[in-house]
Amino acid sequence: MRYFALPEQLNAYFGSLYIFTETADHYSDVTRADVPQLRFMLESNGDYHFHDGTVVPTPEICLLGPTLGATRFELNGPGRVVGISLLPAGWIALHGGDASSLTDRVQDMGGLPGYRDLLEQLRATDSAEEIATLCWAFLAERLVALPESTWRLLEAVDGWLMGEGSPRIETLADVTGLSPRQLARLTNKHYGCPPKLLARKYRALRCSARIALDHDSWQELCEDGRFYDQSHFIREIKHFIGLTPHQLQTEPTAVAQLTLLRRSLGGDVAVINRFS
């Protein structure tokens, strides 16, 4: 897995670009709950196994909606995948609809203008730098201007998710001046779920990074007031990450380790982008 930080003009829309390759006859692993992903299957095909039991074959050009639990994927043979993670503004640019309508589901983007042309261009090169350049140009053409009120809301929600160890809805309501009902409608639309579930998801993402990368004691994280008890902590991490805290600490899967490395993206990448 190789990550690329995006050009400055794309930073507010997308989290990172990555190229994933594997050479096994059959490959399976688990990815954590995540933001939406646009993925180009340059080689191989496979399936997504969502946390609710739904199994869906991946299209060659796949828009994966926001996921609210760990997702298992399978590849049928040696694979090469180019992916771009979408922040809410990127979702608006590439999809435009309510994010909750595609939560834990996929959409085939192959019939939309330009996408299949890009797929063929990506397949025709082995240069990672050229792949990135082609994707930058493709994404830049699809950026849309957002109202200032939308940018302010997204900044408030992102700051809320990253600024508190266990984000409280009351804090977000105070910052935005919106009612819980309004916040639920807007976070469903832009992030794929209501505030309480969104806060749980990002709490688990942050804790998993602290366990696997910072080598913090998961028992101490559990006891700092964010979780009811150890059983609650283990269930939350297992649900959103796909591994127990002990597994994260001692035997994380290859994809779990590689995904967490997004946090190390440098430059002017916003903190929430590093978790995206």
C-alpha atoms as a PDB file:
ATOM      1  CA  MET A   1       0.000   0.000   0.000  1.00  0.00           C
ATOM      2  CA  ARG A   2       1.407   3.364  -1.010  1.00  0.00           C
ATOM      3  CA  TYR A   3      -0.203   6.647   0.031  1.00  0.00           C
ATOM      4  CA  PHE A   4      -0.102  10.039  -1.665  1.00  0.00           C
ATOM      5  CA  ALA A   5      -1.039  13.315   0.011  1.00  0.00           C
ATOM      6  CA  LEU A   6      -3.231  15.374  -2.284  1.00  0.00           C
ATOM      7  CA  PRO A   7      -2.441  18.737  -3.890  1.00  0.00           C
ATOM      8  CA  GLU A   8      -3.571  21.681  -1.784  1.00  0.00           C
ATOM      9  CA  GLN A   9      -6.566  22.489  -4.008  1.00  0.00           C
ATOM     10  CA  LEU A  10      -8.017  19.020  -3.331  1.00  0.00           C
ATOM     11  CA  ASN A  11      -7.317  18.801   0.411  1.00  0.00           C
ATOM     12  CA  ALA A  12     -10.737  20.001   1.518  1.00  0.00           C
ATOM     13  CA  TYR A  13     -12.470  17.456  -0.708  1.00  0.00           C
ATOM     14  CA  PHE A  14     -10.440  14.246  -0.449  1.00  0.00           C
ATOM     15  CA  GLY A  15      -8.401  12.520   2.242  1.00  0.00           C
ATOM     16  CA  SER A  16      -5.681  10.618   0.376  1.00  0.00           C
ATOM     17  CA  LEU A  17      -4.905   8.569  -2.714  1.00  0.00           C
ATOM     18  CA  TYR A  18      -3.531   5.050  -2.343  1.00  0.00           C
ATOM     19  CA  ILE A  19      -2.359   2.195  -4.533  1.00  0.00           C
ATOM     20  CA  PHE A  20      -2.848  -1.297  -3.136  1.00  0.00           C
ATOM     21  CA  THR A  21      -1.211  -4.349  -4.683  1.00  0.00           C
ATOM     22  CA  GLU A  22      -1.153  -8.022  -3.708  1.00  0.00           C
ATOM     23  CA  THR A  23       0.039 -11.160  -5.469  1.00  0.00           C
ATOM     24  CA  ALA A  24      -1.901 -13.984  -3.784  1.00  0.00           C
ATOM     25  CA  ASP A  25      -4.200 -16.356  -5.651  1.00  0.00           C
ATOM     26  CA  HIS A  26      -6.901 -15.365  -3.180  1.00  0.00           C
ATOM     27  CA  TYR A  27      -6.666 -12.485  -0.719  1.00  0.00           C
ATOM     28  CA  SER A  28      -8.970 -11.548   2.135  1.00  0.00           C
ATOM     29  CA  ASP A  29      -8.678  -8.954   4.892  1.00  0.00           C
ATOM     30  CA  VAL A  30     -10.731  -6.527   6.948  1.00  0.00           C
ATOM     31  CA  THR A  31     -10.908  -2.755   6.608  1.00  0.00           C
ATOM     32  CA  ARG A  32     -12.081  -0.489   9.390  1.00  0.00           C
ATOM     33  CA  ALA A  33     -15.202   1.660   9.309  1.00  0.00           C
ATOM     34  CA  ASP A  34     -14.318   4.485   6.985  1.00  0.00           C
ATOM     35  CA  VAL A  35     -15.290   7.463   4.879  1.00  0.00           C
ATOM     36  CA  PRO A  36     -16.504   6.835   1.314  1.00  0.00           C
ATOM     37  CA  GLN A  37     -13.965   5.476  -1.157  1.00  0.00           C
ATOM     38  CA  LEU A  38     -13.708   5.721  -4.947  1.00  0.00           C
ATOM     39  CA  ARG A  39     -11.831   2.644  -6.170  1.00  0.00           C
ATOM     40  CA  PHE A  40     -10.566   1.591  -9.575  1.00  0.00           C
ATOM     41  CA  MET A  41      -9.970  -2.147  -9.939  1.00  0.00           C
ATOM     42  CA  LEU A  42      -6.979  -2.233 -12.283  1.00  0.00           C
ATOM     43  CA  GLU A  43      -6.564  -5.981 -11.790  1.00  0.00           C
ATOM     44  CA  SER A  44      -8.683  -8.706 -10.162  1.00  0.00           C
ATOM     45  CA  ASN A  45     -12.239  -8.654  -8.824  1.00  0.00           C
ATOM     46  CA  GLY A  46     -13.857  -9.596  -5.557  1.00  0.00           C
ATOM     47  CA  ASP A  47     -16.560  -8.986  -2.982  1.00  0.00           C
ATOM     48  CA  TYR A  48     -17.333  -6.767  -0.001  1.00  0.00           C
ATOM     49  CA  HIS A  49     -18.765  -8.404   3.130  1.00  0.00           C
ATOM     50  CA  PHE A  50     -20.484  -5.682   5.150  1.00  0.00           C
ATOM     51  CA  HIS A  51     -21.028  -5.855   8.892  1.00  0.00           C
ATOM     52  CA  ASP A  52     -24.780  -6.375   8.465  1.00  0.00           C
ATOM     53  CA  GLY A  53     -24.152  -9.621   6.540  1.00  0.00           C
ATOM     54  CA  THR A  54     -24.671  -8.198   3.034  1.00  0.00           C
ATOM     55  CA  VAL A  55     -22.221  -9.467   0.393  1.00  0.00           C
ATOM     56  CA  VAL A  56     -21.760  -7.348  -2.756  1.00  0.00           C
ATOM     57  CA  PRO A  57     -19.437  -7.870  -5.744  1.00  0.00           C
ATOM     58  CA  THR A  58     -17.192  -4.882  -6.374  1.00  0.00           C
ATOM     59  CA  PRO A  59     -17.651  -3.083  -9.695  1.00  0.00           C
ATOM     60  CA  GLU A  60     -14.550  -2.222 -11.729  1.00  0.00           C
ATOM     61  CA  ILE A  61     -15.170   1.412 -10.810  1.00  0.00           C
ATOM     62  CA  CYS A  62     -16.636   1.373  -7.340  1.00  0.00           C
ATOM     63  CA  LEU A  63     -18.004   4.127  -5.151  1.00  0.00           C
ATOM     64  CA  LEU A  64     -18.085   2.612  -1.674  1.00  0.00           C
ATOM     65  CA  GLY A  65     -20.320   4.586   0.645  1.00  0.00           C
ATOM     66  CA  PRO A  66     -19.432   5.459   4.236  1.00  0.00           C
ATOM     67  CA  THR A  67     -19.055   2.307   6.308  1.00  0.00           C
ATOM     68  CA  LEU A  68     -20.313   2.021   9.867  1.00  0.00           C
ATOM     69  CA  GLY A  69     -18.572  -1.191  10.808  1.00  0.00           C
ATOM     70  CA  ALA A  70     -15.555  -3.227   9.817  1.00  0.00           C
ATOM     71  CA  THR A  71     -15.856  -4.518   6.236  1.00  0.00           C
ATOM     72  CA  ARG A  72     -14.250  -7.693   4.935  1.00  0.00           C
ATOM     73  CA  PHE A  73     -13.104  -7.763   1.326  1.00  0.00           C
ATOM     74  CA  GLU A  74     -11.945 -10.595  -0.905  1.00  0.00           C
ATOM     75  CA  LEU A  75      -9.882 -10.468  -4.107  1.00  0.00           C
ATOM     76  CA  ASN A  76      -9.903 -13.356  -6.538  1.00  0.00           C
ATOM     77  CA  GLY A  77      -6.276 -13.397  -7.640  1.00  0.00           C
ATOM     78  CA  PRO A  78      -3.385 -10.937  -7.810  1.00  0.00           C
ATOM     79  CA  GLY A  79      -4.802  -7.437  -7.546  1.00  0.00           C
ATOM     80  CA  ARG A  80      -3.994  -3.792  -8.109  1.00  0.00           C
ATOM     81  CA  VAL A  81      -6.403  -1.168  -6.824  1.00  0.00           C
ATOM     82  CA  VAL A  82      -6.268   2.638  -6.956  1.00  0.00           C
ATOM     83  CA  GLY A  83      -8.384   4.330  -4.309  1.00  0.00           C
ATOM     84  CA  ILE A  84      -9.293   7.836  -3.222  1.00  0.00           C
ATOM     85  CA  SER A  85     -10.940   8.560   0.121  1.00  0.00           C
ATOM     86  CA  LEU A  86     -13.749  11.107   0.023  1.00  0.00           C
ATOM     87  CA  LEU A  87     -14.419  13.766   2.606  1.00  0.00           C
ATOM     88  CA  PRO A  88     -17.968  15.198   2.669  1.00  0.00           C
ATOM     89  CA  ALA A  89     -17.123  17.899   0.099  1.00  0.00           C
ATOM     90  CA  GLY A  90     -15.664  15.208  -2.163  1.00  0.00           C
ATOM     91  CA  TRP A  91     -18.828  13.171  -1.745  1.00  0.00           C
ATOM     92  CA  ILE A  92     -20.866  16.164  -2.870  1.00  0.00           C
ATOM     93  CA  ALA A  93     -18.562  16.615  -5.881  1.00  0.00           C
ATOM     94  CA  LEU A  94     -18.674  12.987  -7.058  1.00  0.00           C
ATOM     95  CA  HIS A  95     -22.131  11.852  -5.888  1.00  0.00           C
ATOM     96  CA  GLY A  96     -24.181  14.806  -4.721  1.00  0.00           C
ATOM     97  CA  GLY A  97     -26.851  12.822  -2.893  1.00  0.00           C
ATOM     98  CA  ASP A  98     -27.546  11.878   0.698  1.00  0.00           C
ATOM     99  CA  ALA A  99     -24.535   9.886   1.987  1.00  0.00           C
ATOM    100  CA  SER A 100     -26.769   7.753   4.221  1.00  0.00           C
ATOM    101  CA  SER A 101     -28.430   6.342   1.084  1.00  0.00           C
ATOM    102  CA  LEU A 102     -25.191   4.488   0.265  1.00  0.00           C
ATOM    103  CA  THR A 103     -24.014   3.629   3.780  1.00  0.00           C
ATOM    104  CA  ASP A 104     -22.426   0.143   3.766  1.00  0.00           C
ATOM    105  CA  ARG A 105     -23.225  -0.256   0.064  1.00  0.00           C
ATOM    106  CA  VAL A 106     -21.555   0.309  -3.322  1.00  0.00           C
ATOM    107  CA  GLN A 107     -22.437   2.093  -6.545  1.00  0.00           C
ATOM    108  CA  ASP A 108     -21.092   1.256 -10.003  1.00  0.00           C
ATOM    109  CA  MET A 109     -19.612   4.453 -11.480  1.00  0.00           C
ATOM    110  CA  GLY A 110     -18.589   2.876 -14.799  1.00  0.00           C
ATOM    111  CA  GLY A 111     -21.451   4.381 -16.757  1.00  0.00           C
ATOM    112  CA  LEU A 112     -20.711   7.979 -15.798  1.00  0.00           C
ATOM    113  CA  PRO A 113     -18.774  10.273 -18.172  1.00  0.00           C
ATOM    114  CA  GLY A 114     -14.995  10.075 -17.870  1.00  0.00           C
ATOM    115  CA  TYR A 115     -14.706   7.282 -15.315  1.00  0.00           C
ATOM    116  CA  ARG A 116     -14.058   4.391 -17.708  1.00  0.00           C
ATOM    117  CA  ASP A 117     -11.598   6.494 -19.703  1.00  0.00           C
ATOM    118  CA  LEU A 118      -9.655   7.103 -16.505  1.00  0.00           C
ATOM    119  CA  LEU A 119      -9.745   3.392 -15.651  1.00  0.00           C
ATOM    120  CA  GLU A 120      -8.163   2.517 -18.996  1.00  0.00           C
ATOM    121  CA  GLN A 121      -5.510   5.217 -18.563  1.00  0.00           C
ATOM    122  CA  LEU A 122      -4.648   3.894 -15.105  1.00  0.00           C
ATOM    123  CA  ARG A 123      -4.426   0.337 -16.420  1.00  0.00           C
ATOM    124  CA  ALA A 124      -2.012   1.459 -19.141  1.00  0.00           C
ATOM    125  CA  THR A 125       0.700   2.710 -16.762  1.00  0.00           C
ATOM    126  CA  ASP A 126       2.902   1.153 -14.094  1.00  0.00           C
ATOM    127  CA  SER A 127       4.095   4.530 -12.812  1.00  0.00           C
ATOM    128  CA  ALA A 128       2.637   5.398  -9.405  1.00  0.00           C
ATOM    129  CA  GLU A 129       3.430   9.064  -9.979  1.00  0.00           C
ATOM    130  CA  GLU A 130       1.579   9.064 -13.312  1.00  0.00           C
ATOM    131  CA  ILE A 131      -1.390   7.337 -11.691  1.00  0.00           C
ATOM    132  CA  ALA A 132      -1.511  10.072  -9.067  1.00  0.00           C
ATOM    133  CA  THR A 133      -1.225  12.828 -11.682  1.00  0.00           C
ATOM    134  CA  LEU A 134      -4.058  11.349 -13.766  1.00  0.00           C
ATOM    135  CA  CYS A 135      -6.277  11.122 -10.688  1.00  0.00           C
ATOM    136  CA  TRP A 136      -5.490  14.680  -9.573  1.00  0.00           C
ATOM    137  CA  ALA A 137      -6.570  16.038 -12.963  1.00  0.00           C
ATOM    138  CA  PHE A 138      -9.729  13.917 -12.983  1.00  0.00           C
ATOM    139  CA  LEU A 139     -10.762  15.012  -9.498  1.00  0.00           C
ATOM    140  CA  ALA A 140      -9.937  18.683 -10.068  1.00  0.00           C
ATOM    141  CA  GLU A 141     -12.364  18.774 -13.008  1.00  0.00           C
ATOM    142  CA  ARG A 142     -15.171  17.599 -10.744  1.00  0.00           C
ATOM    143  CA  LEU A 143     -14.827  20.017  -7.854  1.00  0.00           C
ATOM    144  CA  VAL A 144     -17.937  22.016  -7.090  1.00  0.00           C
ATOM    145  CA  ALA A 145     -18.289  25.269  -5.208  1.00  0.00           C
ATOM    146  CA  LEU A 146     -20.059  24.861  -1.879  1.00  0.00           C
ATOM    147  CA  PRO A 147     -22.014  27.529  -0.001  1.00  0.00           C
ATOM    148  CA  GLU A 148     -20.093  29.160   2.808  1.00  0.00           C
ATOM    149  CA  SER A 149     -22.678  27.806   5.265  1.00  0.00           C
ATOM    150  CA  THR A 150     -21.856  24.227   4.189  1.00  0.00           C
ATOM    151  CA  TRP A 151     -18.104  24.763   4.629  1.00  0.00           C
ATOM    152  CA  ARG A 152     -18.693  26.187   8.113  1.00  0.00           C
ATOM    153  CA  LEU A 153     -20.846  23.208   9.083  1.00  0.00           C
ATOM    154  CA  LEU A 154     -18.274  20.696   7.822  1.00  0.00           C
ATOM    155  CA  GLU A 155     -15.492  22.511   9.662  1.00  0.00           C
ATOM    156  CA  ALA A 156     -17.555  22.488  12.862  1.00  0.00           C
ATOM    157  CA  VAL A 157     -18.326  18.761  12.625  1.00  0.00           C
ATOM    158  CA  ASP A 158     -14.723  17.838  11.746  1.00  0.00           C
ATOM    159  CA  GLY A 159     -13.423  19.939  14.634  1.00  0.00           C
ATOM    160  CA  TRP A 160     -15.927  18.343  16.970  1.00  0.00           C
ATOM    161  CA  LEU A 161     -14.901  14.821  15.940  1.00  0.00           C
ATOM    162  CA  MET A 162     -11.201  15.511  16.322  1.00  0.00           C
ATOM    163  CA  GLY A 163     -11.307  17.857  19.291  1.00  0.00           C
ATOM    164  CA  GLU A 164     -12.919  15.678  21.949  1.00  0.00           C
ATOM    165  CA  GLY A 165     -11.963  12.219  23.136  1.00  0.00           C
ATOM    166  CA  SER A 166     -15.623  11.254  23.378  1.00  0.00           C
ATOM    167  CA  PRO A 167     -17.564  13.870  21.371  1.00  0.00           C
ATOM    168  CA  ARG A 168     -20.820  15.017  22.964  1.00  0.00           C
ATOM    169  CA  ILE A 169     -23.755  16.079  20.809  1.00  0.00           C
ATOM    170  CA  GLU A 170     -24.451  18.996  23.143  1.00  0.00           C
ATOM    171  CA  THR A 171     -21.040  20.456  22.283  1.00  0.00           C
ATOM    172  CA  LEU A 172     -21.757  20.318  18.548  1.00  0.00           C
ATOM    173  CA  ALA A 173     -25.196  21.847  19.066  1.00  0.00           C
ATOM    174  CA  ASP A 174     -23.633  24.739  21.009  1.00  0.00           C
ATOM    175  CA  VAL A 175     -20.972  25.343  18.346  1.00  0.00           C
ATOM    176  CA  THR A 176     -23.371  25.262  15.386  1.00  0.00           C
ATOM    177  CA  GLY A 177     -26.524  26.659  16.962  1.00  0.00           C
ATOM    178  CA  LEU A 178     -28.478  23.788  15.412  1.00  0.00           C
ATOM    179  CA  SER A 179     -30.987  21.507  17.090  1.00  0.00           C
ATOM    180  CA  PRO A 180     -30.313  17.756  17.484  1.00  0.00           C
ATOM    181  CA  ARG A 181     -32.919  17.082  14.776  1.00  0.00           C
ATOM    182  CA  GLN A 182     -31.194  19.461  12.338  1.00  0.00           C
ATOM    183  CA  LEU A 183     -27.784  17.985  13.149  1.00  0.00           C
ATOM    184  CA  ALA A 184     -29.046  14.444  12.543  1.00  0.00           C
ATOM    185  CA  ARG A 185     -30.408  15.422   9.130  1.00  0.00           C
ATOM    186  CA  LEU A 186     -27.204  17.187   8.095  1.00  0.00           C
ATOM    187  CA  THR A 187     -24.721  14.595   9.363  1.00  0.00           C
ATOM    188  CA  ASN A 188     -26.782  11.846   7.701  1.00  0.00           C
ATOM    189  CA  LYS A 189     -26.573  13.804   4.460  1.00  0.00           C
ATOM    190  CA  HIS A 190     -22.853  14.631   4.586  1.00  0.00           C
ATOM    191  CA  TYR A 191     -21.310  11.864   6.735  1.00  0.00           C
ATOM    192  CA  GLY A 192     -23.751   8.970   6.345  1.00  0.00           C
ATOM    193  CA  CYS A 193     -25.075   8.666   9.899  1.00  0.00           C
ATOM    194  CA  PRO A 194     -26.399  10.707  12.845  1.00  0.00           C
ATOM    195  CA  PRO A 195     -24.030  12.472  15.262  1.00  0.00           C
ATOM    196  CA  LYS A 196     -24.045   9.865  18.033  1.00  0.00           C
ATOM    197  CA  LEU A 197     -23.028   7.024  15.719  1.00  0.00           C
ATOM    198  CA  LEU A 198     -20.519   9.273  13.932  1.00  0.00           C
ATOM    199  CA  ALA A 199     -18.924  10.135  17.282  1.00  0.00           C
ATOM    200  CA  ARG A 200     -18.673   6.436  18.204  1.00  0.00           C
ATOM    201  CA  LYS A 201     -17.029   5.659  14.881  1.00  0.00           C
ATOM    202  CA  TYR A 202     -14.352   8.333  15.190  1.00  0.00           C
ATOM    203  CA  ARG A 203     -13.746   7.551  18.841  1.00  0.00           C
ATOM    204  CA  ALA A 204     -12.925   3.987  17.808  1.00  0.00           C
ATOM    205  CA  LEU A 205     -10.704   5.155  14.930  1.00  0.00           C
ATOM    206  CA  ARG A 206      -8.699   7.405  17.216  1.00  0.00           C
ATOM    207  CA  CYS A 207      -8.342   4.781  19.918  1.00  0.00           C
ATOM    208  CA  SER A 208      -7.226   2.150  17.415  1.00  0.00           C
ATOM    209  CA  ALA A 209      -4.486   4.471  16.124  1.00  0.00           C
ATOM    210  CA  ARG A 210      -3.294   5.145  19.661  1.00  0.00           C
ATOM    211  CA  ILE A 211      -3.142   1.406  20.370  1.00  0.00           C
ATOM    212  CA  ALA A 212      -1.446   0.307  17.145  1.00  0.00           C
ATOM    213  CA  LEU A 213       0.791   3.296  16.357  1.00  0.00           C
ATOM    214  CA  ASP A 214       1.395   5.067  19.678  1.00  0.00           C
ATOM    215  CA  HIS A 215       1.441   1.799  21.657  1.00  0.00           C
ATOM    216  CA  ASP A 216      -0.857   3.226  24.311  1.00  0.00           C
ATOM    217  CA  SER A 217      -2.287   0.723  26.774  1.00  0.00           C
ATOM    218  CA  TRP A 218      -5.818  -0.141  25.674  1.00  0.00           C
ATOM    219  CA  GLN A 219      -6.705  -0.819  29.313  1.00  0.00           C
ATOM    220  CA  GLU A 220      -5.773   2.760  30.202  1.00  0.00           C
ATOM    221  CA  LEU A 221      -7.721   4.125  27.229  1.00  0.00           C
ATOM    222  CA  CYS A 222     -10.699   2.148  28.439  1.00  0.00           C
ATOM    223  CA  GLU A 223     -10.467   3.605  31.923  1.00  0.00           C
ATOM    224  CA  ASP A 224     -10.256   7.284  30.972  1.00  0.00           C
ATOM    225  CA  GLY A 225     -14.029   7.733  31.000  1.00  0.00           C
ATOM    226  CA  ARG A 226     -14.867   7.248  27.322  1.00  0.00           C
ATOM    227  CA  PHE A 227     -16.263   3.731  27.726  1.00  0.00           C
ATOM    228  CA  TYR A 228     -18.472   2.016  30.289  1.00  0.00           C
ATOM    229  CA  ASP A 229     -16.078  -0.859  30.929  1.00  0.00           C
ATOM    230  CA  GLN A 230     -13.573  -3.139  29.197  1.00  0.00           C
ATOM    231  CA  SER A 231     -16.280  -5.235  27.564  1.00  0.00           C
ATOM    232  CA  HIS A 232     -17.809  -2.104  26.024  1.00  0.00           C
ATOM    233  CA  PHE A 233     -14.388  -0.958  24.809  1.00  0.00           C
ATOM    234  CA  ILE A 234     -13.611  -4.335  23.202  1.00  0.00           C
ATOM    235  CA  ARG A 235     -17.022  -4.483  21.482  1.00  0.00           C
ATOM    236  CA  GLU A 236     -16.667  -0.985  20.049  1.00  0.00           C
ATOM    237  CA  ILE A 237     -13.150  -1.556  18.700  1.00  0.00           C
ATOM    238  CA  LYS A 238     -14.103  -4.949  17.275  1.00  0.00           C
ATOM    239  CA  HIS A 239     -17.221  -3.531  15.598  1.00  0.00           C
ATOM    240  CA  PHE A 240     -15.592  -0.522  13.934  1.00  0.00           C
ATOM    241  CA  ILE A 241     -12.056  -1.851  13.355  1.00  0.00           C
ATOM    242  CA  GLY A 242     -12.626  -5.589  12.922  1.00  0.00           C
ATOM    243  CA  LEU A 243      -9.980  -6.548  15.484  1.00  0.00           C
ATOM    244  CA  THR A 244      -9.929  -6.671  19.258  1.00  0.00           C
ATOM    245  CA  PRO A 245      -7.683  -4.197  21.126  1.00  0.00           C
ATOM    246  CA  HIS A 246      -5.325  -7.084  21.928  1.00  0.00           C
ATOM    247  CA  GLN A 247      -5.093  -8.036  18.242  1.00  0.00           C
ATOM    248  CA  LEU A 248      -4.388  -4.422  17.294  1.00  0.00           C
ATOM    249  CA  GLN A 249      -1.606  -4.343  19.849  1.00  0.00           C
ATOM    250  CA  THR A 250      -0.005  -7.708  19.093  1.00  0.00           C
ATOM    251  CA  GLU A 251      -1.069  -9.028  15.685  1.00  0.00           C
ATOM    252  CA  PRO A 252      -2.764  -6.445  13.460  1.00  0.00           C
ATOM    253  CA  THR A 253      -3.536  -7.638   9.930  1.00  0.00           C
ATOM    254  CA  ALA A 254      -1.542  -6.249   7.008  1.00  0.00           C
ATOM    255  CA  VAL A 255      -4.335  -3.951   5.837  1.00  0.00           C
ATOM    256  CA  ALA A 256      -5.024  -2.719   9.372  1.00  0.00           C
ATOM    257  CA  GLN A 257      -1.377  -1.690   9.729  1.00  0.00           C
ATOM    258  CA  LEU A 258      -1.240  -0.068   6.301  1.00  0.00           C
ATOM    259  CA  THR A 259      -4.524   1.800   6.734  1.00  0.00           C
ATOM    260  CA  LEU A 260      -3.389   3.273  10.023  1.00  0.00           C
ATOM    261  CA  LEU A 261      -0.337   4.713   8.269  1.00  0.00           C
ATOM    262  CA  ARG A 262      -2.629   7.311   6.690  1.00  0.00           C
ATOM    263  CA  ARG A 263      -2.290   9.127   9.980  1.00  0.00           C
ATOM    264  CA  SER A 264       1.356   9.824   9.147  1.00  0.00           C
ATOM    265  CA  LEU A 265       0.551  11.871   6.030  1.00  0.00           C
ATOM    266  CA  GLY A 266       2.422  15.121   6.469  1.00  0.00           C
ATOM    267  CA  GLY A 267       2.309  18.600   5.049  1.00  0.00           C
ATOM    268  CA  ASP A 268      -0.820  20.684   5.402  1.00  0.00           C
ATOM    269  CA  VAL A 269      -3.178  17.692   5.490  1.00  0.00           C
ATOM    270  CA  ALA A 270      -5.892  18.285   8.082  1.00  0.00           C
ATOM    271  CA  VAL A 271      -6.004  15.913  11.041  1.00  0.00           C
ATOM    272  CA  ILE A 272      -9.328  14.389   9.995  1.00  0.00           C
ATOM    273  CA  ASN A 273      -7.889  13.690   6.511  1.00  0.00           C
ATOM    274  CA  ARG A 274      -5.262  11.480   8.114  1.00  0.00           C
ATOM    275  CA  PHE A 275      -8.029   9.288   9.502  1.00  0.00           C
ATOM    276  CA  SER A 276      -9.807   9.213   6.141  1.00  0.00           C
END
